[in-house]
N, C-alpha and C. Protein backbone atom coordinates (compact mmCIF):
# COMPACT_ATOMS: atom_id res chain seq x y z
N MET A 1 12.86 -64.43 -42.99
CA MET A 1 12.56 -65.24 -44.43
C MET A 1 13.38 -64.94 -45.17
N SER A 2 14.03 -65.05 -46.29
CA SER A 2 14.79 -64.52 -47.33
C SER A 2 13.96 -63.87 -48.56
N LYS A 3 14.44 -63.25 -49.80
CA LYS A 3 13.60 -62.31 -50.55
C LYS A 3 13.00 -63.52 -51.44
N ARG A 4 14.24 -64.79 -51.83
CA ARG A 4 14.54 -65.45 -52.42
C ARG A 4 13.38 -66.85 -51.84
N THR A 5 13.28 -67.21 -50.52
CA THR A 5 12.13 -67.66 -49.59
C THR A 5 10.84 -67.74 -50.51
N ASP A 6 10.70 -66.47 -49.96
CA ASP A 6 9.62 -65.36 -50.20
C ASP A 6 8.54 -65.78 -51.30
N LEU A 7 9.86 -65.62 -52.24
CA LEU A 7 9.09 -65.67 -53.88
C LEU A 7 9.15 -66.82 -54.12
N ALA A 8 9.87 -67.96 -53.40
CA ALA A 8 9.98 -69.42 -54.02
C ALA A 8 8.49 -69.64 -53.43
N ALA A 9 7.72 -69.87 -52.22
CA ALA A 9 6.95 -69.72 -51.21
C ALA A 9 5.51 -69.22 -51.51
N ALA A 10 6.33 -68.08 -52.68
CA ALA A 10 4.78 -67.61 -53.52
C ALA A 10 4.35 -68.60 -54.15
N HIS A 11 5.16 -68.76 -55.18
CA HIS A 11 5.10 -69.57 -56.69
C HIS A 11 4.93 -71.37 -56.60
N ASP A 12 5.47 -71.32 -55.17
CA ASP A 12 5.02 -72.87 -55.06
C ASP A 12 3.13 -72.50 -54.29
N ALA A 13 2.68 -71.87 -53.45
CA ALA A 13 1.42 -72.06 -53.25
C ALA A 13 0.85 -71.44 -54.24
N HIS A 14 0.87 -71.32 -55.40
CA HIS A 14 0.34 -70.56 -56.48
C HIS A 14 -0.39 -72.11 -57.25
N GLN A 15 0.68 -72.71 -57.25
CA GLN A 15 0.85 -73.85 -57.49
C GLN A 15 0.24 -75.05 -57.16
N HIS A 16 0.17 -74.86 -55.93
CA HIS A 16 -0.59 -75.93 -55.16
C HIS A 16 -2.03 -74.92 -54.10
N PRO A 17 -2.80 -74.89 -54.86
CA PRO A 17 -3.64 -73.94 -54.65
C PRO A 17 -4.27 -73.71 -52.96
N THR A 18 -4.24 -75.18 -52.86
CA THR A 18 -4.86 -75.36 -50.55
C THR A 18 -3.41 -75.28 -49.88
N ALA A 19 -2.67 -74.50 -50.31
CA ALA A 19 -1.37 -73.84 -49.69
C ALA A 19 -1.42 -72.59 -49.76
N HIS A 20 -2.43 -71.73 -49.88
CA HIS A 20 -1.89 -70.28 -49.89
C HIS A 20 -1.44 -69.84 -48.10
N PRO A 21 -0.61 -68.74 -48.31
CA PRO A 21 0.37 -68.32 -47.62
C PRO A 21 -0.57 -67.37 -46.55
N PRO A 22 -0.56 -67.30 -45.38
CA PRO A 22 -1.14 -65.82 -44.95
C PRO A 22 -1.17 -64.88 -45.78
N GLY A 23 -2.47 -64.61 -45.39
CA GLY A 23 -2.54 -62.64 -46.30
C GLY A 23 -1.57 -61.68 -46.23
N ALA A 24 -0.80 -61.54 -44.89
CA ALA A 24 -0.21 -61.10 -44.25
C ALA A 24 1.35 -61.00 -45.13
N GLU A 25 2.17 -62.21 -44.90
CA GLU A 25 3.25 -62.59 -46.00
C GLU A 25 2.70 -62.39 -47.32
N ARG A 26 1.88 -63.12 -48.07
CA ARG A 26 1.22 -62.99 -49.54
C ARG A 26 1.27 -61.71 -49.55
N LEU A 27 1.00 -60.98 -49.09
CA LEU A 27 1.19 -59.26 -49.10
C LEU A 27 2.91 -58.35 -49.41
N GLU A 28 3.27 -59.41 -48.43
CA GLU A 28 4.49 -58.95 -47.99
C GLU A 28 5.49 -59.26 -49.31
N VAL A 29 5.08 -60.95 -49.78
CA VAL A 29 5.82 -61.04 -51.27
C VAL A 29 5.51 -60.15 -52.45
N ALA A 30 4.66 -60.40 -52.64
CA ALA A 30 3.63 -59.15 -53.35
C ALA A 30 4.68 -58.04 -53.81
N ALA A 31 4.33 -57.37 -52.30
CA ALA A 31 5.02 -55.90 -52.10
C ALA A 31 6.46 -56.36 -52.87
N GLY A 32 7.43 -57.63 -52.77
CA GLY A 32 9.00 -57.75 -52.88
C GLY A 32 8.90 -57.84 -54.57
N VAL A 33 7.98 -58.76 -55.07
CA VAL A 33 7.99 -58.33 -56.56
C VAL A 33 7.99 -57.45 -57.14
N LEU A 34 6.71 -56.30 -56.39
CA LEU A 34 6.57 -55.09 -57.45
C LEU A 34 7.20 -53.37 -56.84
N ALA A 35 8.31 -54.03 -55.78
CA ALA A 35 9.38 -53.04 -55.70
C ALA A 35 10.50 -53.24 -56.25
N LEU A 36 10.62 -54.75 -56.71
CA LEU A 36 11.80 -55.02 -58.25
C LEU A 36 11.82 -54.40 -59.52
N LEU A 37 10.23 -54.54 -59.37
CA LEU A 37 9.58 -53.61 -60.92
C LEU A 37 9.47 -52.34 -60.77
N ALA A 38 10.27 -52.21 -59.66
CA ALA A 38 9.98 -50.69 -59.46
C ALA A 38 11.51 -49.86 -60.03
N ASP A 39 11.79 -50.43 -60.54
CA ASP A 39 12.98 -49.84 -61.02
C ASP A 39 13.21 -50.01 -62.33
N ARG A 40 13.54 -48.43 -63.36
CA ARG A 40 13.56 -48.95 -64.44
C ARG A 40 14.55 -49.74 -65.71
N THR A 41 15.46 -50.05 -64.77
CA THR A 41 16.51 -51.11 -65.50
C THR A 41 15.61 -52.58 -65.52
N ARG A 42 15.41 -53.20 -64.44
CA ARG A 42 14.63 -54.03 -64.01
C ARG A 42 13.98 -53.95 -64.78
N LEU A 43 12.76 -53.08 -65.03
CA LEU A 43 11.44 -53.20 -65.33
C LEU A 43 12.35 -53.52 -67.20
N ALA A 44 13.44 -52.89 -67.82
CA ALA A 44 13.24 -52.55 -68.97
C ALA A 44 13.75 -54.13 -68.95
N LEU A 45 14.89 -54.98 -68.50
CA LEU A 45 15.18 -56.21 -68.38
C LEU A 45 14.18 -57.20 -68.66
N LEU A 46 12.88 -57.10 -67.83
CA LEU A 46 12.09 -57.67 -67.91
C LEU A 46 10.73 -58.10 -69.14
N GLU A 47 11.04 -56.15 -69.40
CA GLU A 47 10.07 -56.01 -71.08
C GLU A 47 11.06 -57.32 -72.07
N ARG A 48 11.72 -57.07 -72.06
CA ARG A 48 12.91 -57.40 -72.70
C ARG A 48 13.07 -59.71 -73.38
N LEU A 49 13.23 -59.82 -71.83
CA LEU A 49 12.95 -61.30 -71.59
C LEU A 49 11.78 -61.57 -71.78
N ALA A 50 10.76 -61.10 -71.32
CA ALA A 50 9.35 -60.93 -71.39
C ALA A 50 8.88 -61.79 -73.25
N ALA A 51 9.82 -60.95 -74.02
CA ALA A 51 10.10 -61.94 -75.41
C ALA A 51 11.02 -62.80 -75.79
N GLY A 52 11.08 -63.25 -74.84
CA GLY A 52 12.39 -64.34 -75.05
C GLY A 52 13.69 -64.23 -74.33
N GLU A 53 14.21 -65.13 -74.39
CA GLU A 53 15.59 -65.80 -73.60
C GLU A 53 16.75 -64.51 -74.46
N ALA A 54 17.46 -64.06 -73.50
CA ALA A 54 18.60 -63.44 -73.87
C ALA A 54 20.23 -63.16 -72.58
N ASP A 55 21.14 -63.24 -74.02
CA ASP A 55 22.19 -63.11 -73.32
C ASP A 55 22.37 -61.88 -71.96
N VAL A 56 23.07 -61.30 -71.61
CA VAL A 56 24.18 -60.03 -71.23
C VAL A 56 24.32 -58.75 -71.92
N SER A 57 24.54 -59.73 -72.71
CA SER A 57 25.43 -58.45 -74.41
C SER A 57 23.81 -58.09 -74.99
N THR A 58 22.98 -58.72 -75.30
CA THR A 58 21.89 -58.57 -75.74
C THR A 58 21.32 -57.36 -74.64
N LEU A 59 21.07 -58.28 -73.42
CA LEU A 59 19.98 -57.37 -72.58
C LEU A 59 20.49 -55.63 -72.32
N THR A 60 21.95 -55.99 -72.38
CA THR A 60 22.60 -54.39 -72.53
C THR A 60 22.26 -53.76 -73.69
N ASP A 61 22.64 -54.42 -75.11
CA ASP A 61 22.61 -53.03 -75.68
C ASP A 61 20.66 -52.74 -75.90
N ALA A 62 19.44 -53.85 -75.35
CA ALA A 62 18.42 -53.79 -75.06
C ALA A 62 17.82 -52.60 -74.44
N THR A 63 18.60 -52.75 -73.27
CA THR A 63 18.30 -51.47 -71.90
C THR A 63 19.15 -50.17 -72.21
N GLY A 64 20.05 -50.09 -72.88
CA GLY A 64 21.02 -49.25 -73.00
C GLY A 64 21.81 -48.78 -71.62
N ALA A 65 21.58 -49.31 -70.54
CA ALA A 65 22.50 -49.53 -69.24
C ALA A 65 24.12 -50.56 -69.12
N ALA A 66 24.26 -49.70 -68.88
CA ALA A 66 26.19 -50.42 -68.47
C ALA A 66 26.01 -51.55 -68.29
N ARG A 67 26.64 -52.76 -68.75
CA ARG A 67 26.88 -54.22 -68.67
C ARG A 67 27.55 -54.06 -66.68
N PRO A 68 28.15 -53.74 -66.55
CA PRO A 68 28.20 -53.95 -64.68
C PRO A 68 26.71 -53.66 -64.38
N SER A 69 26.15 -52.80 -64.58
CA SER A 69 24.80 -53.02 -63.61
C SER A 69 23.83 -53.86 -64.21
N VAL A 70 23.79 -53.52 -65.36
CA VAL A 70 22.94 -54.77 -66.12
C VAL A 70 23.70 -56.38 -65.00
N SER A 71 23.71 -56.35 -65.21
CA SER A 71 24.71 -57.19 -64.85
C SER A 71 24.20 -57.92 -62.78
N GLN A 72 24.46 -56.02 -62.44
CA GLN A 72 24.02 -56.35 -60.97
C GLN A 72 21.94 -56.52 -61.32
N HIS A 73 21.72 -56.01 -61.75
CA HIS A 73 20.33 -56.01 -61.96
C HIS A 73 19.98 -57.36 -62.26
N LEU A 74 20.49 -58.07 -62.98
CA LEU A 74 19.96 -59.60 -63.21
C LEU A 74 20.66 -60.68 -61.94
N ALA A 75 21.27 -59.70 -61.41
CA ALA A 75 21.95 -61.30 -60.52
C ALA A 75 20.54 -60.61 -59.30
N LYS A 76 19.97 -59.66 -58.42
CA LYS A 76 18.92 -59.31 -57.59
C LYS A 76 17.73 -59.72 -58.36
N LEU A 77 17.75 -60.28 -59.84
CA LEU A 77 16.39 -60.68 -60.01
C LEU A 77 16.54 -62.22 -60.12
N ARG A 78 17.57 -62.49 -60.41
CA ARG A 78 17.86 -64.30 -60.02
C ARG A 78 17.48 -64.73 -58.61
N LEU A 79 18.10 -64.05 -57.82
CA LEU A 79 18.36 -64.50 -56.49
C LEU A 79 16.56 -64.12 -56.04
N ALA A 80 16.06 -63.55 -56.29
CA ALA A 80 14.43 -63.18 -55.78
C ALA A 80 13.92 -64.45 -56.81
N GLY A 81 13.92 -65.69 -57.64
CA GLY A 81 13.73 -66.15 -57.80
C GLY A 81 13.04 -65.23 -59.35
N LEU A 82 12.97 -64.30 -60.26
CA LEU A 82 12.14 -64.25 -61.19
C LEU A 82 12.65 -64.24 -62.40
N VAL A 83 13.62 -64.29 -62.28
CA VAL A 83 14.52 -64.71 -63.62
C VAL A 83 15.14 -66.31 -63.60
N ALA A 84 15.46 -67.21 -64.66
CA ALA A 84 16.17 -68.76 -64.75
C ALA A 84 17.28 -68.18 -66.02
N THR A 85 18.23 -68.89 -65.41
CA THR A 85 19.63 -68.68 -66.30
C THR A 85 19.89 -70.27 -66.92
N ARG A 86 20.66 -70.44 -67.68
CA ARG A 86 21.09 -71.37 -68.55
C ARG A 86 22.08 -71.01 -68.98
N ARG A 87 23.47 -72.06 -69.16
CA ARG A 87 24.45 -71.90 -70.11
C ARG A 87 23.98 -72.44 -71.64
N ASP A 88 24.62 -71.57 -72.02
CA ASP A 88 24.96 -71.96 -73.63
C ASP A 88 25.96 -72.10 -74.22
N GLY A 89 26.98 -72.96 -73.98
CA GLY A 89 28.87 -72.91 -74.36
C GLY A 89 29.12 -71.72 -73.26
N ARG A 90 29.75 -70.56 -73.48
CA ARG A 90 30.40 -70.27 -72.62
C ARG A 90 29.45 -68.48 -72.17
N ARG A 91 28.27 -68.45 -72.76
CA ARG A 91 27.28 -67.57 -72.44
C ARG A 91 26.51 -68.11 -71.38
N VAL A 92 25.48 -67.07 -70.45
CA VAL A 92 24.66 -67.60 -69.43
C VAL A 92 23.36 -66.53 -70.49
N VAL A 93 22.22 -67.68 -70.60
CA VAL A 93 21.30 -67.15 -71.09
C VAL A 93 19.92 -67.28 -69.96
N TYR A 94 19.24 -65.73 -69.97
CA TYR A 94 18.21 -65.08 -69.00
C TYR A 94 16.82 -65.36 -69.89
N SER A 95 16.26 -65.95 -68.54
CA SER A 95 14.32 -65.94 -68.80
C SER A 95 13.62 -65.50 -67.69
N LEU A 96 12.59 -65.25 -67.89
CA LEU A 96 11.89 -65.69 -67.10
C LEU A 96 11.19 -66.37 -66.95
N ARG A 97 11.30 -66.56 -64.97
CA ARG A 97 10.71 -67.77 -64.52
C ARG A 97 9.49 -68.42 -64.91
N HIS A 98 8.32 -67.45 -65.30
CA HIS A 98 6.93 -67.68 -65.31
C HIS A 98 6.11 -66.57 -66.41
N GLY A 99 4.90 -67.12 -66.30
CA GLY A 99 4.04 -66.04 -67.07
C GLY A 99 3.42 -65.22 -66.25
N HIS A 100 3.29 -65.17 -65.67
CA HIS A 100 2.72 -64.62 -64.28
C HIS A 100 3.30 -63.30 -64.12
N LEU A 101 4.52 -63.23 -64.09
CA LEU A 101 5.65 -61.75 -63.93
C LEU A 101 5.48 -61.60 -65.79
N ARG A 102 5.74 -61.57 -67.16
CA ARG A 102 5.42 -61.43 -68.28
C ARG A 102 4.25 -61.01 -67.94
N ARG A 103 2.58 -60.87 -68.00
CA ARG A 103 1.60 -60.35 -67.74
C ARG A 103 1.78 -59.69 -66.71
N LEU A 104 2.59 -59.35 -65.88
CA LEU A 104 2.51 -58.27 -65.13
C LEU A 104 3.29 -56.63 -65.69
N VAL A 105 4.12 -57.42 -66.22
CA VAL A 105 5.48 -56.00 -66.58
C VAL A 105 3.95 -56.02 -68.04
N ALA A 106 3.86 -56.08 -68.49
CA ALA A 106 2.84 -56.18 -69.94
C ALA A 106 1.69 -55.43 -69.22
N GLU A 107 0.98 -55.25 -68.03
CA GLU A 107 0.04 -54.87 -67.62
C GLU A 107 0.43 -53.27 -67.23
N ALA A 108 1.59 -53.24 -66.55
CA ALA A 108 2.32 -52.03 -65.55
C ALA A 108 2.88 -51.35 -67.07
N LEU A 109 3.13 -52.18 -68.25
CA LEU A 109 3.97 -50.84 -69.18
C LEU A 109 2.36 -50.12 -69.80
N SER A 110 1.16 -51.27 -70.00
CA SER A 110 -0.17 -50.93 -70.36
C SER A 110 -0.54 -49.43 -69.70
N VAL A 111 -0.91 -49.71 -68.07
CA VAL A 111 -1.20 -48.97 -67.63
C VAL A 111 0.09 -47.52 -67.74
N ALA A 112 1.17 -47.36 -67.52
CA ALA A 112 1.73 -46.29 -68.71
C ALA A 112 1.15 -46.22 -69.92
N ASP A 113 1.46 -46.34 -70.75
CA ASP A 113 0.75 -46.09 -71.80
C ASP A 113 -0.47 -45.35 -72.23
N HIS A 114 -1.51 -45.84 -70.97
CA HIS A 114 -2.74 -45.04 -71.03
C HIS A 114 -2.77 -43.60 -70.12
N GLN A 115 -1.09 -43.70 -68.93
CA GLN A 115 -0.96 -42.73 -68.63
C GLN A 115 -0.43 -41.42 -69.97
N ILE A 116 0.27 -42.08 -70.38
CA ILE A 116 0.97 -41.60 -71.72
C ILE A 116 0.30 -40.96 -72.18
N GLY A 117 -0.91 -41.38 -72.88
CA GLY A 117 -1.78 -41.15 -74.10
C GLY A 117 -2.61 -40.60 -73.55
N ALA A 118 -2.96 -40.54 -72.27
CA ALA A 118 -4.70 -39.74 -71.94
C ALA A 118 -5.79 -40.82 -72.52
N LEU A 119 -5.12 -42.23 -71.93
CA LEU A 119 -6.60 -42.90 -72.88
C LEU A 119 -7.64 -43.16 -71.68
N PRO A 120 -8.43 -43.76 -72.24
CA PRO A 120 -9.49 -43.95 -71.26
C PRO A 120 -9.12 -45.53 -70.17
N PRO A 121 -10.03 -45.26 -69.47
CA PRO A 121 -9.37 -46.58 -68.69
C PRO A 121 -10.47 -48.05 -68.81
N HIS A 122 -9.79 -49.08 -68.79
CA HIS A 122 -10.77 -50.07 -69.30
C HIS A 122 -10.46 -51.88 -68.92
N ASP A 123 -11.80 -52.48 -68.77
CA ASP A 123 -11.37 -54.12 -68.15
C ASP A 123 -10.81 -54.90 -69.57
């Protein structure tokens, strides 16, 4: 099964709680999502998209990465079903597919803040 299909299945399973994927498949899909987030540029793209829609130029400015690199990372995120696109004239505008990803990115960055600032853990 492709990563896109795996991620789509995980999303569908959440939308239909009685259709949970088997444990091993669920863990594999979650590991795939986390692997995509493990890249600094992709994480920066998702952090920016958590604030709202953006085109490639805006995302390039926000991440400081080269435009071809940003485009390549966006293609991976789109293929995985993590970001959506829409046309706005000649521009392609990107957005996060769902709030779970927004919260996952925010939590990962909060963990980083705690480690950098030596802050105590909490719930």
